[in-house]
Amino acid sequence: MVRLGDTVVADSRKALTLREASYPPVHYIPRADVDMALLEPSTHQTYCPYKGDASYLSVLGGDAHLASSIWSYERPYDAVAEIGDYLAFYPDRFVIEHPRD
C-alpha cells in the first residue's frame, strides 16, 4: 500500500520489486491498482541507461501536492519490459508498506 497522509494512492497484490546495484529496492505498482484520479502528468523526464526514458506524475489529491513524485517507464527496454504499465513512488515522499503477495 502507498499512502500520502491518510490518502491511499495505491494498493496492490501485484507489485514488482526491482533491485539494482547498491540502491534500495523499488516497488513498481500496476497502474490498475493506483488511484489515477489523484495524479496528473508532469513535464519532468529522466533517462536510465538500463530501463529507458522515465516520465513523471504529480499528486494533486490527498493531503498535499507532490510534484514529480511518481515515475514510469512507458516504453522500457526489452530487458525490463514487465514494468511498462507500472508506477514507482519515491519512498521519502510516501508511506510505502510492503506490497502484499
PDB file of N, CA and C in Angstrom:
ATOM      1  N   MET A   1       0.845  -1.168   0.000  1.00  0.00           N
ATOM      2  CA  MET A   1       0.000   0.000   0.000  1.00  0.00           C
ATOM      3  C   MET A   1       0.897   1.240   0.000  1.00  0.00           C
ATOM      4  N   VAL A   2       0.464   2.243  -0.762  1.00  0.00           N
ATOM      5  CA  VAL A   2       1.178   3.516  -0.825  1.00  0.00           C
ATOM      6  C   VAL A   2       0.224   4.598  -0.337  1.00  0.00           C
ATOM      7  N   ARG A   3       0.673   5.340   0.703  1.00  0.00           N
ATOM      8  CA  ARG A   3      -0.177   6.375   1.281  1.00  0.00           C
ATOM      9  C   ARG A   3       0.536   7.717   1.275  1.00  0.00           C
ATOM     10  N   LEU A   4      -0.286   8.753   1.155  1.00  0.00           N
ATOM     11  CA  LEU A   4       0.155  10.126   1.336  1.00  0.00           C
ATOM     12  C   LEU A   4      -0.729  10.679   2.444  1.00  0.00           C
ATOM     13  N   GLY A   5      -0.191  10.760   3.641  1.00  0.00           N
ATOM     14  CA  GLY A   5      -1.022  11.110   4.793  1.00  0.00           C
ATOM     15  C   GLY A   5      -2.057  10.015   4.992  1.00  0.00           C
ATOM     16  N   ASP A   6      -3.326  10.407   5.049  1.00  0.00           N
ATOM     17  CA  ASP A   6      -4.410   9.436   5.216  1.00  0.00           C
ATOM     18  C   ASP A   6      -4.969   8.929   3.888  1.00  0.00           C
ATOM     19  N   THR A   7      -4.459   9.450   2.784  1.00  0.00           N
ATOM     20  CA  THR A   7      -4.970   9.081   1.466  1.00  0.00           C
ATOM     21  C   THR A   7      -4.218   7.886   0.899  1.00  0.00           C
ATOM     22  N   VAL A   8      -4.956   6.846   0.524  1.00  0.00           N
ATOM     23  CA  VAL A   8      -4.354   5.682  -0.139  1.00  0.00           C
ATOM     24  C   VAL A   8      -4.236   6.016  -1.628  1.00  0.00           C
ATOM     25  N   VAL A   9      -3.010   6.059  -2.100  1.00  0.00           N
ATOM     26  CA  VAL A   9      -2.745   6.368  -3.506  1.00  0.00           C
ATOM     27  C   VAL A   9      -2.706   5.088  -4.330  1.00  0.00           C
ATOM     28  N   ALA A  10      -2.241   3.995  -3.723  1.00  0.00           N
ATOM     29  CA  ALA A  10      -2.158   2.712  -4.427  1.00  0.00           C
ATOM     30  C   ALA A  10      -2.279   1.574  -3.426  1.00  0.00           C
ATOM     31  N   ASP A  11      -2.882   0.487  -3.898  1.00  0.00           N
ATOM     32  CA  ASP A  11      -2.992  -0.725  -3.083  1.00  0.00           C
ATOM     33  C   ASP A  11      -2.949  -1.901  -4.046  1.00  0.00           C
ATOM     34  N   SER A  12      -1.962  -2.754  -3.877  1.00  0.00           N
ATOM     35  CA  SER A  12      -1.756  -3.803  -4.875  1.00  0.00           C
ATOM     36  C   SER A  12      -1.282  -5.110  -4.256  1.00  0.00           C
ATOM     37  N   ARG A  13      -1.679  -6.181  -4.893  1.00  0.00           N
ATOM     38  CA  ARG A  13      -1.151  -7.515  -4.601  1.00  0.00           C
ATOM     39  C   ARG A  13      -0.249  -7.975  -5.746  1.00  0.00           C
ATOM     40  N   LYS A  14       0.010  -7.083  -6.706  1.00  0.00           N
ATOM     41  CA  LYS A  14       0.750  -7.464  -7.909  1.00  0.00           C
ATOM     42  C   LYS A  14       1.996  -6.615  -8.131  1.00  0.00           C
ATOM     43  N   ALA A  15       2.538  -6.025  -7.077  1.00  0.00           N
ATOM     44  CA  ALA A  15       3.727  -5.179  -7.215  1.00  0.00           C
ATOM     45  C   ALA A  15       4.927  -5.997  -7.671  1.00  0.00           C
ATOM     46  N   LEU A  16       5.784  -5.361  -8.436  1.00  0.00           N
ATOM     47  CA  LEU A  16       7.065  -5.935  -8.832  1.00  0.00           C
ATOM     48  C   LEU A  16       8.154  -5.201  -8.063  1.00  0.00           C
ATOM     49  N   THR A  17       9.176  -5.912  -7.644  1.00  0.00           N
ATOM     50  CA  THR A  17      10.275  -5.277  -6.926  1.00  0.00           C
ATOM     51  C   THR A  17      11.547  -5.398  -7.756  1.00  0.00           C
ATOM     52  N   LEU A  18      12.159  -4.262  -8.058  1.00  0.00           N
ATOM     53  CA  LEU A  18      13.428  -4.238  -8.788  1.00  0.00           C
ATOM     54  C   LEU A  18      14.540  -3.901  -7.812  1.00  0.00           C
ATOM     55  N   ARG A  19      15.612  -4.663  -7.908  1.00  0.00           N
ATOM     56  CA  ARG A  19      16.800  -4.423  -7.091  1.00  0.00           C
ATOM     57  C   ARG A  19      17.944  -4.133  -8.048  1.00  0.00           C
ATOM     58  N   GLU A  20      18.563  -2.959  -7.847  1.00  0.00           N
ATOM     59  CA  GLU A  20      19.659  -2.550  -8.718  1.00  0.00           C
ATOM     60  C   GLU A  20      20.868  -2.148  -7.892  1.00  0.00           C
ATOM     61  N   ALA A  21      21.967  -2.731  -8.187  1.00  0.00           N
ATOM     62  CA  ALA A  21      23.250  -2.392  -7.565  1.00  0.00           C
ATOM     63  C   ALA A  21      23.095  -2.159  -6.069  1.00  0.00           C
ATOM     64  N   SER A  22      23.552  -1.015  -5.591  1.00  0.00           N
ATOM     65  CA  SER A  22      23.510  -0.724  -4.157  1.00  0.00           C
ATOM     66  C   SER A  22      22.296   0.109  -3.756  1.00  0.00           C
ATOM     67  N   TYR A  23      21.362   0.335  -4.694  1.00  0.00           N
ATOM     68  CA  TYR A  23      20.165   1.116  -4.396  1.00  0.00           C
ATOM     69  C   TYR A  23      19.159   0.282  -3.602  1.00  0.00           C
ATOM     70  N   PRO A  24      18.336   0.953  -2.793  1.00  0.00           N
ATOM     71  CA  PRO A  24      17.269   0.204  -2.107  1.00  0.00           C
ATOM     72  C   PRO A  24      16.281  -0.355  -3.145  1.00  0.00           C
ATOM     73  N   PRO A  25      15.585  -1.440  -2.824  1.00  0.00           N
ATOM     74  CA  PRO A  25      14.600  -1.998  -3.759  1.00  0.00           C
ATOM     75  C   PRO A  25      13.518  -0.971  -4.087  1.00  0.00           C
ATOM     76  N   VAL A  26      13.040  -1.020  -5.329  1.00  0.00           N
ATOM     77  CA  VAL A  26      11.954  -0.139  -5.776  1.00  0.00           C
ATOM     78  C   VAL A  26      10.755  -1.016  -6.107  1.00  0.00           C
ATOM     79  N   HIS A  27       9.606  -0.663  -5.528  1.00  0.00           N
ATOM     80  CA  HIS A  27       8.375  -1.394  -5.785  1.00  0.00           C
ATOM     81  C   HIS A  27       7.607  -0.689  -6.903  1.00  0.00           C
ATOM     82  N   TYR A  28       7.316  -1.431  -7.955  1.00  0.00           N
ATOM     83  CA  TYR A  28       6.538  -0.918  -9.079  1.00  0.00           C
ATOM     84  C   TYR A  28       5.116  -1.461  -8.943  1.00  0.00           C
ATOM     85  N   ILE A  29       4.139  -0.565  -8.978  1.00  0.00           N
ATOM     86  CA  ILE A  29       2.729  -0.897  -8.763  1.00  0.00           C
ATOM     87  C   ILE A  29       1.987  -0.806 -10.097  1.00  0.00           C
ATOM     88  N   PRO A  30       1.156  -1.787 -10.437  1.00  0.00           N
ATOM     89  CA  PRO A  30       0.384  -1.698 -11.683  1.00  0.00           C
ATOM     90  C   PRO A  30      -0.514  -0.456 -11.677  1.00  0.00           C
ATOM     91  N   ARG A  31      -0.597   0.210 -12.814  1.00  0.00           N
ATOM     92  CA  ARG A  31      -1.472   1.388 -12.938  1.00  0.00           C
ATOM     93  C   ARG A  31      -2.900   1.069 -12.502  1.00  0.00           C
ATOM     94  N   ALA A  32      -3.354  -0.127 -12.777  1.00  0.00           N
ATOM     95  CA  ALA A  32      -4.725  -0.512 -12.427  1.00  0.00           C
ATOM     96  C   ALA A  32      -4.958  -0.485 -10.917  1.00  0.00           C
ATOM     97  N   ASP A  33      -3.896  -0.538 -10.126  1.00  0.00           N
ATOM     98  CA  ASP A  33      -4.006  -0.555  -8.665  1.00  0.00           C
ATOM     99  C   ASP A  33      -3.694   0.810  -8.033  1.00  0.00           C
ATOM    100  N   VAL A  34      -3.597   1.841  -8.861  1.00  0.00           N
ATOM    101  CA  VAL A  34      -3.281   3.195  -8.413  1.00  0.00           C
ATOM    102  C   VAL A  34      -4.507   4.075  -8.640  1.00  0.00           C
ATOM    103  N   ASP A  35      -4.792   4.961  -7.704  1.00  0.00           N
ATOM    104  CA  ASP A  35      -5.899   5.913  -7.865  1.00  0.00           C
ATOM    105  C   ASP A  35      -5.435   7.030  -8.791  1.00  0.00           C
ATOM    106  N   MET A  36      -5.589   6.813 -10.082  1.00  0.00           N
ATOM    107  CA  MET A  36      -5.099   7.738 -11.093  1.00  0.00           C
ATOM    108  C   MET A  36      -5.814   9.090 -11.046  1.00  0.00           C
ATOM    109  N   ALA A  37      -6.982   9.158 -10.416  1.00  0.00           N
ATOM    110  CA  ALA A  37      -7.713  10.429 -10.286  1.00  0.00           C
ATOM    111  C   ALA A  37      -6.942  11.420  -9.417  1.00  0.00           C
ATOM    112  N   LEU A  38      -6.002  10.936  -8.608  1.00  0.00           N
ATOM    113  CA  LEU A  38      -5.205  11.803  -7.749  1.00  0.00           C
ATOM    114  C   LEU A  38      -3.966  12.360  -8.456  1.00  0.00           C
ATOM    115  N   LEU A  39      -3.696  11.891  -9.669  1.00  0.00           N
ATOM    116  CA  LEU A  39      -2.440  12.188 -10.351  1.00  0.00           C
ATOM    117  C   LEU A  39      -2.638  13.002 -11.611  1.00  0.00           C
ATOM    118  N   GLU A  40      -1.584  13.746 -11.958  1.00  0.00           N
ATOM    119  CA  GLU A  40      -1.553  14.421 -13.254  1.00  0.00           C
ATOM    120  C   GLU A  40      -0.142  14.321 -13.818  1.00  0.00           C
ATOM    121  N   PRO A  41      -0.020  14.289 -15.148  1.00  0.00           N
ATOM    122  CA  PRO A  41       1.308  14.187 -15.755  1.00  0.00           C
ATOM    123  C   PRO A  41       2.173  15.406 -15.407  1.00  0.00           C
ATOM    124  N   SER A  42       3.446  15.163 -15.288  1.00  0.00           N
ATOM    125  CA  SER A  42       4.442  16.206 -15.058  1.00  0.00           C
ATOM    126  C   SER A  42       5.250  16.377 -16.338  1.00  0.00           C
ATOM    127  N   THR A  43       5.893  17.505 -16.489  1.00  0.00           N
ATOM    128  CA  THR A  43       6.768  17.704 -17.649  1.00  0.00           C
ATOM    129  C   THR A  43       8.174  17.158 -17.391  1.00  0.00           C
ATOM    130  N   HIS A  44       8.444  16.759 -16.141  1.00  0.00           N
ATOM    131  CA  HIS A  44       9.763  16.241 -15.774  1.00  0.00           C
ATOM    132  C   HIS A  44      10.017  14.894 -16.464  1.00  0.00           C
ATOM    133  N   GLN A  45      11.219  14.708 -16.974  1.00  0.00           N
ATOM    134  CA  GLN A  45      11.619  13.444 -17.590  1.00  0.00           C
ATOM    135  C   GLN A  45      13.070  13.158 -17.242  1.00  0.00           C
ATOM    136  N   THR A  46      13.411  11.879 -17.173  1.00  0.00           N
ATOM    137  CA  THR A  46      14.798  11.467 -16.962  1.00  0.00           C
ATOM    138  C   THR A  46      15.091  10.275 -17.868  1.00  0.00           C
ATOM    139  N   TYR A  47      16.350   9.892 -17.891  1.00  0.00           N
ATOM    140  CA  TYR A  47      16.775   8.755 -18.703  1.00  0.00           C
ATOM    141  C   TYR A  47      17.599   7.801 -17.841  1.00  0.00           C
ATOM    142  N   CYS A  48      17.322   6.531 -17.972  1.00  0.00           N
ATOM    143  CA  CYS A  48      18.104   5.486 -17.315  1.00  0.00           C
ATOM    144  C   CYS A  48      18.702   4.594 -18.410  1.00  0.00           C
ATOM    145  N   PRO A  49      20.011   4.376 -18.406  1.00  0.00           N
ATOM    146  CA  PRO A  49      20.608   3.556 -19.457  1.00  0.00           C
ATOM    147  C   PRO A  49      20.163   2.096 -19.419  1.00  0.00           C
ATOM    148  N   TYR A  50      19.560   1.648 -18.312  1.00  0.00           N
ATOM    149  CA  TYR A  50      19.122   0.265 -18.182  1.00  0.00           C
ATOM    150  C   TYR A  50      17.634   0.072 -18.460  1.00  0.00           C
ATOM    151  N   LYS A  51      16.859   1.132 -18.258  1.00  0.00           N
ATOM    152  CA  LYS A  51      15.398   0.998 -18.409  1.00  0.00           C
ATOM    153  C   LYS A  51      14.813   1.871 -19.511  1.00  0.00           C
ATOM    154  N   GLY A  52      15.442   2.994 -19.820  1.00  0.00           N
ATOM    155  CA  GLY A  52      14.941   3.875 -20.873  1.00  0.00           C
ATOM    156  C   GLY A  52      14.506   5.228 -20.322  1.00  0.00           C
ATOM    157  N   ASP A  53      13.578   5.874 -21.033  1.00  0.00           N
ATOM    158  CA  ASP A  53      13.085   7.196 -20.653  1.00  0.00           C
ATOM    159  C   ASP A  53      11.981   7.074 -19.607  1.00  0.00           C
ATOM    160  N   ALA A  54      12.115   7.857 -18.540  1.00  0.00           N
ATOM    161  CA  ALA A  54      11.110   7.867 -17.476  1.00  0.00           C
ATOM    162  C   ALA A  54      10.280   9.139 -17.578  1.00  0.00           C
ATOM    163  N   SER A  55       8.984   8.971 -17.439  1.00  0.00           N
ATOM    164  CA  SER A  55       8.090  10.121 -17.331  1.00  0.00           C
ATOM    165  C   SER A  55       7.585  10.162 -15.898  1.00  0.00           C
ATOM    166  N   TYR A  56       7.100  11.320 -15.482  1.00  0.00           N
ATOM    167  CA  TYR A  56       6.730  11.521 -14.083  1.00  0.00           C
ATOM    168  C   TYR A  56       5.284  11.979 -13.944  1.00  0.00           C
ATOM    169  N   LEU A  57       4.748  11.735 -12.757  1.00  0.00           N
ATOM    170  CA  LEU A  57       3.398  12.175 -12.399  1.00  0.00           C
ATOM    171  C   LEU A  57       3.481  12.932 -11.082  1.00  0.00           C
ATOM    172  N   SER A  58       2.575  13.887 -10.924  1.00  0.00           N
ATOM    173  CA  SER A  58       2.461  14.638  -9.676  1.00  0.00           C
ATOM    174  C   SER A  58       1.167  14.247  -8.995  1.00  0.00           C
ATOM    175  N   VAL A  59       1.160  14.313  -7.668  1.00  0.00           N
ATOM    176  CA  VAL A  59      -0.040  14.029  -6.885  1.00  0.00           C
ATOM    177  C   VAL A  59      -0.771  15.337  -6.658  1.00  0.00           C
ATOM    178  N   LEU A  60      -2.059  15.357  -6.981  1.00  0.00           N
ATOM    179  CA  LEU A  60      -2.877  16.548  -6.785  1.00  0.00           C
ATOM    180  C   LEU A  60      -3.880  16.383  -5.667  1.00  0.00           C
ATOM    181  N   GLY A  61      -4.209  15.155  -5.339  1.00  0.00           N
ATOM    182  CA  GLY A  61      -5.196  14.904  -4.297  1.00  0.00           C
ATOM    183  C   GLY A  61      -4.519  14.514  -3.011  1.00  0.00           C
ATOM    184  N   GLY A  62      -5.330  14.158  -2.062  1.00  0.00           N
ATOM    185  CA  GLY A  62      -4.781  13.732  -0.787  1.00  0.00           C
ATOM    186  C   GLY A  62      -4.423  14.905   0.083  1.00  0.00           C
ATOM    187  N   ASP A  63      -3.409  14.725   0.901  1.00  0.00           N
ATOM    188  CA  ASP A  63      -3.042  15.721   1.895  1.00  0.00           C
ATOM    189  C   ASP A  63      -2.065  16.779   1.391  1.00  0.00           C
ATOM    190  N   ALA A  64      -1.490  16.603   0.220  1.00  0.00           N
ATOM    191  CA  ALA A  64      -0.501  17.565  -0.260  1.00  0.00           C
ATOM    192  C   ALA A  64      -0.317  17.432  -1.769  1.00  0.00           C
ATOM    193  N   HIS A  65       0.267  18.460  -2.353  1.00  0.00           N
ATOM    194  CA  HIS A  65       0.658  18.400  -3.760  1.00  0.00           C
ATOM    195  C   HIS A  65       2.123  17.988  -3.803  1.00  0.00           C
ATOM    196  N   LEU A  66       2.405  16.915  -4.491  1.00  0.00           N
ATOM    197  CA  LEU A  66       3.781  16.441  -4.630  1.00  0.00           C
ATOM    198  C   LEU A  66       4.156  16.418  -6.102  1.00  0.00           C
ATOM    199  N   ALA A  67       4.969  17.354  -6.507  1.00  0.00           N
ATOM    200  CA  ALA A  67       5.368  17.453  -7.905  1.00  0.00           C
ATOM    201  C   ALA A  67       6.340  16.338  -8.274  1.00  0.00           C
ATOM    202  N   SER A  68       6.122  15.734  -9.409  1.00  0.00           N
ATOM    203  CA  SER A  68       7.041  14.743  -9.995  1.00  0.00           C
ATOM    204  C   SER A  68       7.512  13.706  -8.982  1.00  0.00           C
ATOM    205  N   SER A  69       6.583  13.157  -8.234  1.00  0.00           N
ATOM    206  CA  SER A  69       6.925  12.235  -7.145  1.00  0.00           C
ATOM    207  C   SER A  69       6.712  10.762  -7.491  1.00  0.00           C
ATOM    208  N   ILE A  70       6.241  10.500  -8.700  1.00  0.00           N
ATOM    209  CA  ILE A  70       5.976   9.134  -9.163  1.00  0.00           C
ATOM    210  C   ILE A  70       6.567   9.018 -10.564  1.00  0.00           C
ATOM    211  N   TRP A  71       7.199   7.894 -10.867  1.00  0.00           N
ATOM    212  CA  TRP A  71       7.754   7.753 -12.206  1.00  0.00           C
ATOM    213  C   TRP A  71       7.305   6.464 -12.864  1.00  0.00           C
ATOM    214  N   SER A  72       7.463   6.468 -14.198  1.00  0.00           N
ATOM    215  CA  SER A  72       7.015   5.340 -15.004  1.00  0.00           C
ATOM    216  C   SER A  72       7.885   5.240 -16.253  1.00  0.00           C
ATOM    217  N   TYR A  73       8.141   4.015 -16.666  1.00  0.00           N
ATOM    218  CA  TYR A  73       8.810   3.754 -17.942  1.00  0.00           C
ATOM    219  C   TYR A  73       7.736   3.225 -18.884  1.00  0.00           C
ATOM    220  N   GLU A  74       7.159   4.111 -19.653  1.00  0.00           N
ATOM    221  CA  GLU A  74       6.033   3.719 -20.506  1.00  0.00           C
ATOM    222  C   GLU A  74       6.465   2.846 -21.673  1.00  0.00           C
ATOM    223  N   ARG A  75       7.700   3.014 -22.124  1.00  0.00           N
ATOM    224  CA  ARG A  75       8.264   2.176 -23.176  1.00  0.00           C
ATOM    225  C   ARG A  75       9.659   1.721 -22.733  1.00  0.00           C
ATOM    226  N   PRO A  76       9.708   0.841 -21.722  1.00  0.00           N
ATOM    227  CA  PRO A  76      11.013   0.410 -21.199  1.00  0.00           C
ATOM    228  C   PRO A  76      11.746  -0.479 -22.194  1.00  0.00           C
ATOM    229  N   TYR A  77      13.031  -0.609 -21.962  1.00  0.00           N
ATOM    230  CA  TYR A  77      13.815  -1.531 -22.781  1.00  0.00           C
ATOM    231  C   TYR A  77      13.294  -2.951 -22.588  1.00  0.00           C
ATOM    232  N   ASP A  78      13.547  -3.795 -23.581  1.00  0.00           N
ATOM    233  CA  ASP A  78      13.042  -5.174 -23.573  1.00  0.00           C
ATOM    234  C   ASP A  78      13.429  -5.947 -22.308  1.00  0.00           C
ATOM    235  N   ALA A  79      14.613  -5.701 -21.778  1.00  0.00           N
ATOM    236  CA  ALA A  79      15.084  -6.444 -20.608  1.00  0.00           C
ATOM    237  C   ALA A  79      14.219  -6.206 -19.368  1.00  0.00           C
ATOM    238  N   VAL A  80      13.492  -5.084 -19.329  1.00  0.00           N
ATOM    239  CA  VAL A  80      12.627  -4.761 -18.183  1.00  0.00           C
ATOM    240  C   VAL A  80      11.207  -4.443 -18.653  1.00  0.00           C
ATOM    241  N   ALA A  81      10.805  -5.075 -19.741  1.00  0.00           N
ATOM    242  CA  ALA A  81       9.506  -4.785 -20.348  1.00  0.00           C
ATOM    243  C   ALA A  81       8.342  -4.931 -19.378  1.00  0.00           C
ATOM    244  N   GLU A  82       8.472  -5.792 -18.364  1.00  0.00           N
ATOM    245  CA  GLU A  82       7.357  -6.035 -17.441  1.00  0.00           C
ATOM    246  C   GLU A  82       6.980  -4.812 -16.605  1.00  0.00           C
ATOM    247  N   ILE A  83       7.834  -3.797 -16.497  1.00  0.00           N
ATOM    248  CA  ILE A  83       7.484  -2.605 -15.713  1.00  0.00           C
ATOM    249  C   ILE A  83       6.768  -1.546 -16.552  1.00  0.00           C
ATOM    250  N   GLY A  84       6.483  -1.844 -17.806  1.00  0.00           N
ATOM    251  CA  GLY A  84       5.905  -0.877 -18.729  1.00  0.00           C
ATOM    252  C   GLY A  84       4.576  -0.273 -18.316  1.00  0.00           C
ATOM    253  N   ASP A  85       3.764  -0.974 -17.599  1.00  0.00           N
ATOM    254  CA  ASP A  85       2.462  -0.444 -17.194  1.00  0.00           C
ATOM    255  C   ASP A  85       2.395  -0.303 -15.672  1.00  0.00           C
ATOM    256  N   TYR A  86       3.547  -0.004 -15.078  1.00  0.00           N
ATOM    257  CA  TYR A  86       3.667   0.102 -13.627  1.00  0.00           C
ATOM    258  C   TYR A  86       4.188   1.486 -13.240  1.00  0.00           C
ATOM    259  N   LEU A  87       3.920   1.882 -12.004  1.00  0.00           N
ATOM    260  CA  LEU A  87       4.382   3.157 -11.471  1.00  0.00           C
ATOM    261  C   LEU A  87       5.245   2.914 -10.238  1.00  0.00           C
ATOM    262  N   ALA A  88       6.254   3.758 -10.038  1.00  0.00           N
ATOM    263  CA  ALA A  88       7.110   3.693  -8.851  1.00  0.00           C
ATOM    264  C   ALA A  88       7.002   5.013  -8.091  1.00  0.00           C
ATOM    265  N   PHE A  89       7.117   4.924  -6.770  1.00  0.00           N
ATOM    266  CA  PHE A  89       6.899   6.064  -5.876  1.00  0.00           C
ATOM    267  C   PHE A  89       8.165   6.343  -5.076  1.00  0.00           C
ATOM    268  N   TYR A  90       8.526   7.622  -4.949  1.00  0.00           N
ATOM    269  CA  TYR A  90       9.684   7.972  -4.124  1.00  0.00           C
ATOM    270  C   TYR A  90       9.397   7.615  -2.670  1.00  0.00           C
ATOM    271  N   PRO A  91      10.219   6.754  -2.066  1.00  0.00           N
ATOM    272  CA  PRO A  91       9.940   6.297  -0.701  1.00  0.00           C
ATOM    273  C   PRO A  91      10.090   7.383   0.362  1.00  0.00           C
ATOM    274  N   ASP A  92      10.786   8.473   0.052  1.00  0.00           N
ATOM    275  CA  ASP A  92      10.925   9.552   1.031  1.00  0.00           C
ATOM    276  C   ASP A  92       9.753  10.532   0.989  1.00  0.00           C
ATOM    277  N   ARG A  93       8.818  10.331   0.057  1.00  0.00           N
ATOM    278  CA  ARG A  93       7.672  11.234  -0.070  1.00  0.00           C
ATOM    279  C   ARG A  93       6.342  10.563   0.281  1.00  0.00           C
ATOM    280  N   PHE A  94       6.339   9.252   0.305  1.00  0.00           N
ATOM    281  CA  PHE A  94       5.131   8.477   0.582  1.00  0.00           C
ATOM    282  C   PHE A  94       5.415   7.479   1.697  1.00  0.00           C
ATOM    283  N   VAL A  95       4.361   7.009   2.325  1.00  0.00           N
ATOM    284  CA  VAL A  95       4.479   5.863   3.221  1.00  0.00           C
ATOM    285  C   VAL A  95       4.219   4.639   2.354  1.00  0.00           C
ATOM    286  N   ILE A  96       5.204   3.790   2.244  1.00  0.00           N
ATOM    287  CA  ILE A  96       5.083   2.594   1.406  1.00  0.00           C
ATOM    288  C   ILE A  96       5.170   1.374   2.317  1.00  0.00           C
ATOM    289  N   GLU A  97       4.064   0.697   2.438  1.00  0.00           N
ATOM    290  CA  GLU A  97       4.053  -0.537   3.201  1.00  0.00           C
ATOM    291  C   GLU A  97       4.414  -1.669   2.274  1.00  0.00           C
ATOM    292  N   HIS A  98       5.031  -2.689   2.806  1.00  0.00           N
ATOM    293  CA  HIS A  98       5.462  -3.806   1.972  1.00  0.00           C
ATOM    294  C   HIS A  98       4.306  -4.279   1.100  1.00  0.00           C
ATOM    295  N   PRO A  99       4.533  -4.357  -0.215  1.00  0.00           N
ATOM    296  CA  PRO A  99       3.467  -4.842  -1.105  1.00  0.00           C
ATOM    297  C   PRO A  99       2.977  -6.217  -0.682  1.00  0.00           C
ATOM    298  N   ARG A 100       1.678  -6.387  -0.788  1.00  0.00           N
ATOM    299  CA  ARG A 100       1.075  -7.682  -0.434  1.00  0.00           C
ATOM    300  C   ARG A 100       1.303  -8.688  -1.544  1.00  0.00           C
ATOM    301  N   ASP A 101       1.434  -9.944  -1.161  1.00  0.00           N
ATOM    302  CA  ASP A 101       1.626 -11.019  -2.149  1.00  0.00           C
ATOM    303  C   ASP A 101       0.320 -11.435  -2.751  1.00  0.00           C
TER     304      ASP A 101
END
